[in-house]
């Protein structure tokens, strides 16, 4: 069980929201607390399919870790895309999918202190987002992502 602990850190120029302790607990629970950190959560050329790799004998750790990673995306939007990709295989994960999850955890190890910064000196808070469609990009069923 991961301890749910949030961090609101006031700074002179605003607030930082982070889940540093939550991330540390997730890494420890996943036996990744001593892992070597990586600089990116997923390789851009990574094409996960539902048939690559061998089926996991017990997918409960995979599912639990994915749930924890989803919760972490509230303050870590930098992992949202990668977590979404591995979430697609929640019901039939393979060893390749687990390797992709481990890579996300390695990335978190190197960026454990990251969070969201809200600048108090700026004008009204505005949200900017980007979306892109990958038409027929799923290699399994040719659906759009």
N, C-alpha and C. Protein backbone atom coordinates (compact mmCIF):
# COMPACT_ATOMS: atom_id res chain seq x y z
N UNK A 1 0.84 -1.18 0.00
CA UNK A 1 0.00 0.00 0.00
C UNK A 1 0.88 1.24 0.00
N UNK A 2 0.62 2.15 -0.91
CA UNK A 2 1.39 3.37 -1.04
C UNK A 2 0.79 4.43 -0.12
N UNK A 3 1.64 5.11 0.62
CA UNK A 3 1.20 6.19 1.49
C UNK A 3 0.82 7.39 0.64
N UNK A 4 -0.40 7.89 0.77
CA UNK A 4 -0.85 9.06 0.03
C UNK A 4 -0.44 10.31 0.78
N UNK A 5 0.54 11.02 0.26
CA UNK A 5 1.04 12.21 0.92
C UNK A 5 1.32 13.27 -0.13
N UNK A 6 0.82 14.45 0.10
CA UNK A 6 0.94 15.53 -0.88
C UNK A 6 1.88 16.59 -0.35
N UNK A 7 2.44 17.35 -1.25
CA UNK A 7 3.33 18.42 -0.86
C UNK A 7 2.95 19.72 -1.53
N UNK A 8 2.66 20.72 -0.72
CA UNK A 8 2.46 22.08 -1.20
C UNK A 8 3.62 22.87 -0.61
N UNK A 9 4.48 23.34 -1.48
CA UNK A 9 5.69 24.02 -1.03
C UNK A 9 5.64 25.48 -1.45
N UNK A 10 5.42 26.39 -0.50
CA UNK A 10 5.39 27.81 -0.85
C UNK A 10 6.78 28.31 -1.21
N UNK A 11 6.84 29.12 -2.22
CA UNK A 11 8.07 29.79 -2.64
C UNK A 11 7.76 31.30 -2.67
N UNK A 12 8.79 32.10 -2.73
CA UNK A 12 8.58 33.55 -2.75
C UNK A 12 7.82 33.99 -3.99
N UNK A 13 7.92 33.24 -5.07
CA UNK A 13 7.26 33.63 -6.31
C UNK A 13 6.03 32.78 -6.64
N UNK A 14 5.61 31.89 -5.75
CA UNK A 14 4.43 31.07 -6.03
C UNK A 14 4.40 29.81 -5.19
N UNK A 15 3.74 28.79 -5.72
CA UNK A 15 3.58 27.51 -5.04
C UNK A 15 4.07 26.38 -5.94
N UNK A 16 4.64 25.37 -5.32
CA UNK A 16 5.01 24.15 -6.03
C UNK A 16 4.18 23.02 -5.44
N UNK A 17 3.46 22.32 -6.30
CA UNK A 17 2.72 21.13 -5.89
C UNK A 17 3.52 19.91 -6.35
N UNK A 18 3.83 19.04 -5.41
CA UNK A 18 4.58 17.85 -5.79
C UNK A 18 4.11 16.66 -4.98
N UNK A 19 4.43 15.50 -5.48
CA UNK A 19 4.12 14.25 -4.80
C UNK A 19 5.42 13.47 -4.62
N UNK A 20 6.41 14.16 -4.12
CA UNK A 20 7.74 13.58 -3.97
C UNK A 20 7.72 12.36 -3.04
N UNK A 21 7.05 12.46 -1.91
CA UNK A 21 7.01 11.34 -0.97
C UNK A 21 6.20 10.17 -1.56
N UNK A 22 5.11 10.50 -2.25
CA UNK A 22 4.31 9.47 -2.91
C UNK A 22 5.15 8.72 -3.95
N UNK A 23 5.92 9.48 -4.72
CA UNK A 23 6.79 8.89 -5.74
C UNK A 23 7.85 8.01 -5.09
N UNK A 24 8.45 8.49 -4.02
CA UNK A 24 9.47 7.70 -3.32
C UNK A 24 8.87 6.40 -2.80
N UNK A 25 7.67 6.47 -2.27
CA UNK A 25 7.00 5.26 -1.77
C UNK A 25 6.67 4.29 -2.90
N UNK A 26 6.24 4.83 -4.04
CA UNK A 26 5.94 3.99 -5.20
C UNK A 26 7.20 3.29 -5.69
N UNK A 27 8.31 4.01 -5.75
CA UNK A 27 9.57 3.41 -6.18
C UNK A 27 10.02 2.32 -5.21
N UNK A 28 9.85 2.57 -3.93
CA UNK A 28 10.23 1.56 -2.93
C UNK A 28 9.34 0.33 -3.03
N UNK A 29 8.03 0.55 -3.17
CA UNK A 29 7.08 -0.56 -3.28
C UNK A 29 7.37 -1.42 -4.51
N UNK A 30 7.81 -0.77 -5.59
CA UNK A 30 8.10 -1.46 -6.85
C UNK A 30 9.53 -1.99 -6.90
N UNK A 31 10.27 -1.85 -5.80
CA UNK A 31 11.67 -2.28 -5.72
C UNK A 31 12.52 -1.56 -6.76
N UNK A 32 12.19 -0.29 -7.00
CA UNK A 32 12.92 0.51 -7.98
C UNK A 32 13.61 1.70 -7.31
N UNK A 33 13.63 1.72 -5.98
CA UNK A 33 14.21 2.86 -5.28
C UNK A 33 15.72 2.97 -5.46
N UNK A 34 16.37 1.91 -5.86
CA UNK A 34 17.81 1.95 -6.12
C UNK A 34 18.12 1.89 -7.62
N UNK A 35 17.10 2.08 -8.43
CA UNK A 35 17.25 1.99 -9.88
C UNK A 35 18.08 3.15 -10.43
N UNK A 36 18.64 2.94 -11.59
CA UNK A 36 19.39 3.98 -12.28
C UNK A 36 18.40 4.91 -12.98
N UNK A 37 18.48 6.21 -12.75
CA UNK A 37 17.52 7.13 -13.36
C UNK A 37 17.71 7.28 -14.87
N UNK A 38 16.61 7.58 -15.55
CA UNK A 38 16.62 7.85 -16.98
C UNK A 38 16.11 9.27 -17.24
N UNK A 39 16.42 9.80 -18.41
CA UNK A 39 16.05 11.19 -18.70
C UNK A 39 14.71 11.33 -19.42
N UNK A 40 14.17 10.25 -19.98
CA UNK A 40 12.87 10.30 -20.63
C UNK A 40 12.04 9.09 -20.22
N UNK A 41 10.70 9.26 -20.09
CA UNK A 41 9.87 8.15 -19.61
C UNK A 41 9.58 7.07 -20.65
N UNK A 42 9.65 7.42 -21.93
CA UNK A 42 9.36 6.43 -22.97
C UNK A 42 10.10 6.84 -24.24
N UNK A 43 10.66 5.87 -24.90
CA UNK A 43 11.35 6.14 -26.16
C UNK A 43 10.30 6.46 -27.22
N UNK A 44 10.54 7.50 -28.00
CA UNK A 44 9.57 7.93 -29.01
C UNK A 44 9.22 6.87 -30.02
N UNK A 45 10.14 5.99 -30.32
CA UNK A 45 9.90 4.95 -31.32
C UNK A 45 9.25 3.70 -30.72
N UNK A 46 8.90 3.75 -29.44
CA UNK A 46 8.32 2.59 -28.76
C UNK A 46 6.90 2.33 -29.29
N UNK A 47 6.70 1.17 -29.86
CA UNK A 47 5.40 0.75 -30.37
C UNK A 47 4.95 -0.48 -29.61
N UNK A 48 4.14 -0.27 -28.59
CA UNK A 48 3.65 -1.40 -27.81
C UNK A 48 2.43 -2.01 -28.50
N UNK A 49 2.40 -3.33 -28.52
CA UNK A 49 1.24 -4.04 -29.06
C UNK A 49 0.81 -5.08 -28.03
N UNK A 50 -0.41 -5.55 -28.17
CA UNK A 50 -0.91 -6.50 -27.17
C UNK A 50 -0.35 -7.90 -27.34
N UNK A 51 0.38 -8.15 -28.42
CA UNK A 51 0.90 -9.49 -28.66
C UNK A 51 2.41 -9.62 -28.42
N UNK A 52 3.11 -8.51 -28.19
CA UNK A 52 4.56 -8.57 -27.96
C UNK A 52 4.86 -9.02 -26.55
N UNK A 53 5.81 -9.90 -26.40
CA UNK A 53 6.23 -10.37 -25.08
C UNK A 53 5.38 -11.51 -24.57
N UNK A 54 5.77 -12.03 -23.42
CA UNK A 54 5.03 -13.13 -22.81
C UNK A 54 4.06 -12.58 -21.77
N UNK A 55 2.94 -13.25 -21.61
CA UNK A 55 1.92 -12.82 -20.65
C UNK A 55 2.48 -12.88 -19.23
N UNK A 56 2.08 -11.93 -18.41
CA UNK A 56 2.50 -11.94 -17.01
C UNK A 56 1.67 -12.98 -16.26
N UNK A 57 2.33 -13.77 -15.44
CA UNK A 57 1.61 -14.81 -14.70
C UNK A 57 0.68 -14.19 -13.65
N UNK A 58 1.08 -13.08 -13.05
CA UNK A 58 0.25 -12.39 -12.07
C UNK A 58 0.26 -10.89 -12.40
N UNK A 59 -0.77 -10.40 -13.09
CA UNK A 59 -0.79 -9.00 -13.51
C UNK A 59 -1.16 -8.01 -12.40
N UNK A 60 -1.33 -8.48 -11.17
CA UNK A 60 -1.78 -7.57 -10.10
C UNK A 60 -0.77 -6.46 -9.81
N UNK A 61 0.53 -6.77 -9.83
CA UNK A 61 1.53 -5.72 -9.59
C UNK A 61 1.52 -4.70 -10.72
N UNK A 62 1.36 -5.17 -11.93
CA UNK A 62 1.27 -4.26 -13.09
C UNK A 62 0.10 -3.32 -12.90
N UNK A 63 -1.07 -3.85 -12.59
CA UNK A 63 -2.28 -3.04 -12.43
C UNK A 63 -2.17 -2.06 -11.27
N UNK A 64 -1.61 -2.51 -10.19
CA UNK A 64 -1.43 -1.64 -9.03
C UNK A 64 -0.49 -0.49 -9.34
N UNK A 65 0.59 -0.79 -10.03
CA UNK A 65 1.56 0.24 -10.39
C UNK A 65 0.96 1.23 -11.37
N UNK A 66 0.19 0.74 -12.34
CA UNK A 66 -0.47 1.63 -13.30
C UNK A 66 -1.44 2.57 -12.58
N UNK A 67 -2.20 2.05 -11.63
CA UNK A 67 -3.11 2.89 -10.87
C UNK A 67 -2.38 3.98 -10.11
N UNK A 68 -1.25 3.61 -9.51
CA UNK A 68 -0.45 4.59 -8.78
C UNK A 68 0.13 5.64 -9.72
N UNK A 69 0.56 5.21 -10.89
CA UNK A 69 1.10 6.15 -11.88
C UNK A 69 0.02 7.10 -12.39
N UNK A 70 -1.19 6.59 -12.57
CA UNK A 70 -2.29 7.46 -13.00
C UNK A 70 -2.54 8.55 -11.97
N UNK A 71 -2.54 8.18 -10.70
CA UNK A 71 -2.73 9.16 -9.64
C UNK A 71 -1.61 10.21 -9.65
N UNK A 72 -0.42 9.78 -9.94
CA UNK A 72 0.74 10.67 -9.96
C UNK A 72 0.66 11.70 -11.09
N UNK A 73 -0.07 11.40 -12.15
CA UNK A 73 -0.15 12.35 -13.27
C UNK A 73 -0.85 13.66 -12.90
N UNK A 74 -1.53 13.72 -11.75
CA UNK A 74 -2.15 14.98 -11.33
C UNK A 74 -1.11 16.07 -11.15
N UNK A 75 0.05 15.72 -10.64
CA UNK A 75 1.11 16.72 -10.47
C UNK A 75 2.29 16.45 -11.39
N UNK A 76 2.21 15.43 -12.20
CA UNK A 76 3.29 15.08 -13.13
C UNK A 76 2.74 14.87 -14.53
N UNK A 77 2.28 15.93 -15.19
CA UNK A 77 1.74 15.76 -16.55
C UNK A 77 2.80 15.29 -17.54
N UNK A 78 4.07 15.36 -17.19
CA UNK A 78 5.13 14.90 -18.07
C UNK A 78 5.11 13.39 -18.31
N UNK A 79 4.41 12.65 -17.45
CA UNK A 79 4.33 11.19 -17.64
C UNK A 79 2.97 10.75 -18.16
N UNK A 80 2.07 11.69 -18.40
CA UNK A 80 0.69 11.35 -18.77
C UNK A 80 0.63 10.50 -20.05
N UNK A 81 1.36 10.87 -21.07
CA UNK A 81 1.32 10.11 -22.33
C UNK A 81 1.82 8.68 -22.13
N UNK A 82 2.95 8.54 -21.45
CA UNK A 82 3.53 7.22 -21.23
C UNK A 82 2.61 6.33 -20.40
N UNK A 83 2.01 6.92 -19.36
CA UNK A 83 1.11 6.15 -18.51
C UNK A 83 -0.13 5.73 -19.30
N UNK A 84 -0.63 6.62 -20.15
CA UNK A 84 -1.78 6.27 -20.99
C UNK A 84 -1.44 5.09 -21.90
N UNK A 85 -0.25 5.10 -22.47
CA UNK A 85 0.14 4.00 -23.37
C UNK A 85 0.15 2.65 -22.65
N UNK A 86 0.74 2.60 -21.46
CA UNK A 86 0.81 1.31 -20.76
C UNK A 86 -0.54 0.93 -20.14
N UNK A 87 -1.38 1.92 -19.87
CA UNK A 87 -2.72 1.64 -19.34
C UNK A 87 -3.56 0.88 -20.35
N UNK A 88 -3.32 1.07 -21.63
CA UNK A 88 -4.09 0.41 -22.68
C UNK A 88 -4.00 -1.11 -22.60
N UNK A 89 -3.01 -1.63 -21.89
CA UNK A 89 -2.80 -3.07 -21.80
C UNK A 89 -3.07 -3.58 -20.39
N UNK A 90 -3.90 -2.87 -19.65
CA UNK A 90 -4.19 -3.19 -18.26
C UNK A 90 -4.76 -4.60 -18.08
N UNK A 91 -5.56 -5.06 -19.02
CA UNK A 91 -6.25 -6.34 -18.86
C UNK A 91 -5.51 -7.54 -19.43
N UNK A 92 -4.45 -7.29 -20.20
CA UNK A 92 -3.64 -8.41 -20.69
C UNK A 92 -2.19 -7.95 -20.85
N UNK A 93 -1.54 -7.60 -19.74
CA UNK A 93 -0.16 -7.11 -19.83
C UNK A 93 0.83 -8.21 -20.14
N UNK A 94 1.90 -7.81 -20.82
CA UNK A 94 2.98 -8.74 -21.15
C UNK A 94 4.29 -8.23 -20.56
N UNK A 95 5.33 -9.00 -20.74
CA UNK A 95 6.64 -8.62 -20.23
C UNK A 95 7.13 -7.31 -20.88
N UNK A 96 6.79 -7.08 -22.14
CA UNK A 96 7.18 -5.83 -22.80
C UNK A 96 6.46 -4.63 -22.19
N UNK A 97 5.21 -4.81 -21.82
CA UNK A 97 4.46 -3.73 -21.20
C UNK A 97 5.05 -3.42 -19.82
N UNK A 98 5.41 -4.47 -19.09
CA UNK A 98 6.02 -4.27 -17.77
C UNK A 98 7.37 -3.56 -17.91
N UNK A 99 8.12 -3.86 -18.95
CA UNK A 99 9.39 -3.17 -19.20
C UNK A 99 9.15 -1.68 -19.44
N UNK A 100 8.08 -1.35 -20.14
CA UNK A 100 7.74 0.06 -20.38
C UNK A 100 7.36 0.76 -19.08
N UNK A 101 6.65 0.06 -18.20
CA UNK A 101 6.30 0.62 -16.88
C UNK A 101 7.57 0.85 -16.07
N UNK A 102 8.48 -0.11 -16.11
CA UNK A 102 9.74 0.04 -15.37
C UNK A 102 10.52 1.25 -15.87
N UNK A 103 10.47 1.51 -17.16
CA UNK A 103 11.17 2.67 -17.72
C UNK A 103 10.57 3.97 -17.15
N UNK A 104 9.25 4.01 -17.03
CA UNK A 104 8.60 5.19 -16.44
C UNK A 104 9.09 5.36 -15.00
N UNK A 105 9.19 4.26 -14.27
CA UNK A 105 9.66 4.33 -12.89
C UNK A 105 11.12 4.79 -12.83
N UNK A 106 11.95 4.35 -13.76
CA UNK A 106 13.34 4.82 -13.81
C UNK A 106 13.38 6.32 -14.06
N UNK A 107 12.50 6.79 -14.93
CA UNK A 107 12.41 8.23 -15.20
C UNK A 107 12.02 8.98 -13.92
N UNK A 108 11.03 8.46 -13.20
CA UNK A 108 10.60 9.09 -11.96
C UNK A 108 11.73 9.14 -10.93
N UNK A 109 12.56 8.12 -10.92
CA UNK A 109 13.70 8.10 -10.00
C UNK A 109 14.60 9.31 -10.23
N UNK A 110 14.80 9.68 -11.48
CA UNK A 110 15.66 10.81 -11.81
C UNK A 110 14.98 12.16 -11.72
N UNK A 111 13.66 12.16 -11.62
CA UNK A 111 12.92 13.43 -11.60
C UNK A 111 11.98 13.49 -10.40
N UNK A 112 12.36 12.87 -9.31
CA UNK A 112 11.48 12.72 -8.15
C UNK A 112 11.05 14.06 -7.57
N UNK A 113 11.84 15.09 -7.75
CA UNK A 113 11.52 16.39 -7.18
C UNK A 113 10.69 17.29 -8.11
N UNK A 114 10.28 16.78 -9.25
CA UNK A 114 9.47 17.57 -10.17
C UNK A 114 8.04 17.73 -9.65
N UNK A 115 7.39 18.79 -10.09
CA UNK A 115 6.01 19.04 -9.70
C UNK A 115 5.44 20.16 -10.55
N UNK A 116 4.33 20.71 -10.11
CA UNK A 116 3.70 21.83 -10.81
C UNK A 116 4.02 23.12 -10.08
N UNK A 117 4.42 24.15 -10.83
CA UNK A 117 4.71 25.45 -10.25
C UNK A 117 3.62 26.43 -10.66
N UNK A 118 3.05 27.11 -9.68
CA UNK A 118 2.05 28.13 -9.92
C UNK A 118 2.66 29.47 -9.53
N UNK A 119 2.85 30.33 -10.51
CA UNK A 119 3.48 31.63 -10.31
C UNK A 119 2.46 32.62 -9.76
N UNK A 120 2.75 33.22 -8.61
CA UNK A 120 1.82 34.15 -7.98
C UNK A 120 1.85 35.53 -8.61
N UNK A 121 2.90 35.84 -9.37
CA UNK A 121 3.01 37.17 -9.95
C UNK A 121 2.35 37.29 -11.32
N UNK A 122 1.92 36.20 -11.87
CA UNK A 122 1.35 36.25 -13.22
C UNK A 122 -0.11 36.71 -13.17
N UNK A 123 -0.60 37.10 -14.30
CA UNK A 123 -2.00 37.51 -14.45
C UNK A 123 -2.89 36.31 -14.18
N UNK A 124 -4.15 36.38 -14.49
CA UNK A 124 -5.04 35.25 -14.22
C UNK A 124 -4.48 33.94 -14.78
N UNK A 125 -4.69 32.88 -14.04
CA UNK A 125 -4.19 31.57 -14.42
C UNK A 125 -4.85 31.13 -15.72
N UNK A 126 -4.04 30.71 -16.67
CA UNK A 126 -4.58 30.20 -17.93
C UNK A 126 -3.94 28.85 -18.20
N UNK A 127 -4.67 28.03 -18.87
CA UNK A 127 -4.20 26.68 -19.19
C UNK A 127 -4.03 26.58 -20.69
N UNK A 128 -2.88 26.11 -21.10
CA UNK A 128 -2.62 25.87 -22.51
C UNK A 128 -2.36 24.39 -22.69
N UNK A 129 -2.92 23.82 -23.74
CA UNK A 129 -2.77 22.39 -23.98
C UNK A 129 -2.56 22.13 -25.46
N UNK A 130 -2.07 20.96 -25.77
CA UNK A 130 -1.84 20.53 -27.14
C UNK A 130 -2.38 19.13 -27.29
N UNK A 131 -3.02 18.87 -28.39
CA UNK A 131 -3.54 17.53 -28.66
C UNK A 131 -3.18 17.15 -30.08
N UNK A 132 -2.92 15.89 -30.28
CA UNK A 132 -2.57 15.41 -31.60
C UNK A 132 -3.25 14.06 -31.81
N UNK A 133 -3.70 13.81 -33.01
CA UNK A 133 -4.34 12.53 -33.32
C UNK A 133 -3.39 11.70 -34.16
N UNK A 134 -3.36 10.42 -33.87
CA UNK A 134 -2.55 9.47 -34.63
C UNK A 134 -3.54 8.58 -35.37
N UNK A 135 -3.94 8.99 -36.55
CA UNK A 135 -4.97 8.29 -37.30
C UNK A 135 -4.53 6.88 -37.63
N UNK A 136 -5.32 5.93 -37.21
CA UNK A 136 -5.06 4.51 -37.44
C UNK A 136 -3.68 4.10 -36.93
N UNK A 137 -3.26 4.68 -35.81
CA UNK A 137 -1.91 4.46 -35.29
C UNK A 137 -1.74 3.23 -34.44
N UNK A 138 -2.81 2.61 -34.00
CA UNK A 138 -2.67 1.42 -33.16
C UNK A 138 -2.29 0.23 -34.03
N UNK A 139 -1.15 -0.41 -33.77
CA UNK A 139 -0.72 -1.52 -34.63
C UNK A 139 -1.59 -2.77 -34.49
N UNK A 140 -2.39 -2.85 -33.40
CA UNK A 140 -3.20 -4.05 -33.19
C UNK A 140 -4.51 -4.02 -33.97
N UNK A 141 -5.21 -2.88 -33.93
CA UNK A 141 -6.53 -2.83 -34.55
C UNK A 141 -6.72 -1.65 -35.51
N UNK A 142 -5.64 -0.88 -35.72
CA UNK A 142 -5.64 0.27 -36.64
C UNK A 142 -6.59 1.37 -36.21
N UNK A 143 -6.96 1.42 -34.94
CA UNK A 143 -7.79 2.49 -34.42
C UNK A 143 -6.93 3.74 -34.23
N UNK A 144 -7.57 4.87 -34.17
CA UNK A 144 -6.88 6.12 -33.92
C UNK A 144 -6.57 6.27 -32.44
N UNK A 145 -5.48 6.92 -32.14
CA UNK A 145 -5.12 7.20 -30.75
C UNK A 145 -4.94 8.69 -30.57
